[in-house]
Amino acid sequence: MFTTEFLDLPALDSAHGCVSLPGSKSISNRVLLLAALSQGTTTIHDLLDSDDTQVMLAALKQLGCKITPDSLTPGQAIAVT
C-alpha cells in the first residue's frame, strides 16, 4: 500500500493566477461553474464551443450570472461575473 504524508495547508483569503487546460467539454463546463461560484470577474480564454458548453452558458445566465460577450466566438475571451 502507498502511504502519503498529510499536508495541512492554511486557508487562503483569495487566489490569483493563470491556468492552461486542454479543450474538453467537461473541463469547459467545470471552469464555467467555478467561475460562476467565485467572487469578482473570471476571464476565460479558448473555451470549447460545444452544445454542452452553450447549454451551461445559457443556464448560468438564467441563474443571474453576467457573461460577456453574449455569444461564444472561437478564440475570444469571455468574462463571467
Protein backbone atom coordinates (compact mmCIF):
# COMPACT_ATOMS: atom_id res chain seq x y z
CA MET A 1 0.00 0.00 0.00
CA PHE A 2 1.01 3.57 -0.56
CA THR A 3 1.40 5.93 2.33
CA THR A 4 1.09 9.64 1.83
CA GLU A 5 2.13 12.19 4.38
CA PHE A 6 -0.63 14.53 5.47
CA LEU A 7 -0.14 18.12 4.37
CA ASP A 8 -2.17 20.70 6.24
CA LEU A 9 -2.44 23.96 4.30
CA PRO A 10 -3.75 27.16 5.84
CA ALA A 11 -6.90 28.69 4.34
CA LEU A 12 -6.34 31.43 1.78
CA ASP A 13 -8.27 34.67 1.61
CA SER A 14 -8.04 34.74 -2.17
CA ALA A 15 -6.32 33.18 -5.15
CA HIS A 16 -5.00 34.69 -8.35
CA GLY A 17 -3.29 33.12 -11.31
CA CYS A 18 -3.50 31.65 -14.77
CA VAL A 19 -4.16 28.01 -15.60
CA SER A 20 -3.93 26.48 -19.09
CA LEU A 21 -6.16 23.45 -19.59
CA PRO A 22 -6.84 21.23 -22.61
CA GLY A 23 -10.01 21.86 -24.59
CA SER A 24 -12.74 19.48 -23.48
CA LYS A 25 -16.43 19.98 -22.85
CA SER A 26 -16.28 18.64 -19.29
CA ILE A 27 -13.35 20.89 -18.37
CA SER A 28 -15.05 23.86 -20.07
CA ASN A 29 -18.22 23.29 -18.05
CA ARG A 30 -16.28 22.89 -14.81
CA VAL A 31 -14.39 26.11 -15.49
CA LEU A 32 -17.68 27.92 -16.12
CA LEU A 33 -19.19 26.55 -12.92
CA LEU A 34 -16.16 27.53 -10.83
CA ALA A 35 -16.17 30.99 -12.43
CA ALA A 36 -19.85 31.41 -11.56
CA LEU A 37 -19.22 30.40 -7.94
CA SER A 38 -16.23 32.71 -7.49
CA GLN A 39 -16.34 36.33 -6.39
CA GLY A 40 -15.46 39.05 -8.88
CA THR A 41 -14.88 38.54 -12.58
CA THR A 42 -13.22 35.50 -14.12
CA THR A 43 -11.84 35.77 -17.65
CA ILE A 44 -11.78 32.54 -19.65
CA HIS A 45 -9.79 32.16 -22.87
CA ASP A 46 -10.26 29.46 -25.54
CA LEU A 47 -13.42 27.96 -24.07
CA LEU A 48 -14.56 24.95 -26.10
CA ASP A 49 -17.55 25.79 -28.29
CA SER A 50 -19.81 22.74 -27.92
CA ASP A 51 -23.52 22.15 -27.38
CA ASP A 52 -22.89 21.28 -23.72
CA THR A 53 -20.92 24.49 -23.20
CA GLN A 54 -23.69 26.54 -24.81
CA VAL A 55 -26.27 24.89 -22.52
CA MET A 56 -24.12 25.66 -19.46
CA LEU A 57 -23.71 29.29 -20.54
CA ALA A 58 -27.48 29.64 -21.00
CA ALA A 59 -28.16 28.05 -17.60
CA LEU A 60 -25.69 30.35 -15.83
CA LYS A 61 -27.30 33.38 -17.49
CA GLN A 62 -30.73 32.22 -16.30
CA LEU A 63 -29.32 31.93 -12.78
CA GLY A 64 -28.20 35.56 -12.92
CA CYS A 65 -24.56 35.33 -13.97
CA LYS A 66 -23.35 38.10 -16.24
CA ILE A 67 -21.46 36.64 -19.19
CA THR A 68 -19.84 38.90 -21.76
CA PRO A 69 -19.84 38.83 -24.69
CA ASP A 70 -23.28 37.29 -25.18
CA SER A 71 -22.14 34.74 -27.76
CA LEU A 72 -19.17 32.38 -27.77
CA THR A 73 -16.72 33.07 -30.59
CA PRO A 74 -13.70 30.77 -31.05
CA GLY A 75 -10.52 32.46 -29.86
CA GLN A 76 -12.37 35.18 -27.97
CA ALA A 77 -12.19 35.51 -24.19
CA ILE A 78 -15.36 35.62 -22.12
CA ALA A 79 -15.89 37.18 -18.71
CA VAL A 80 -18.09 35.60 -16.03
CA THR A 81 -19.27 37.79 -13.17
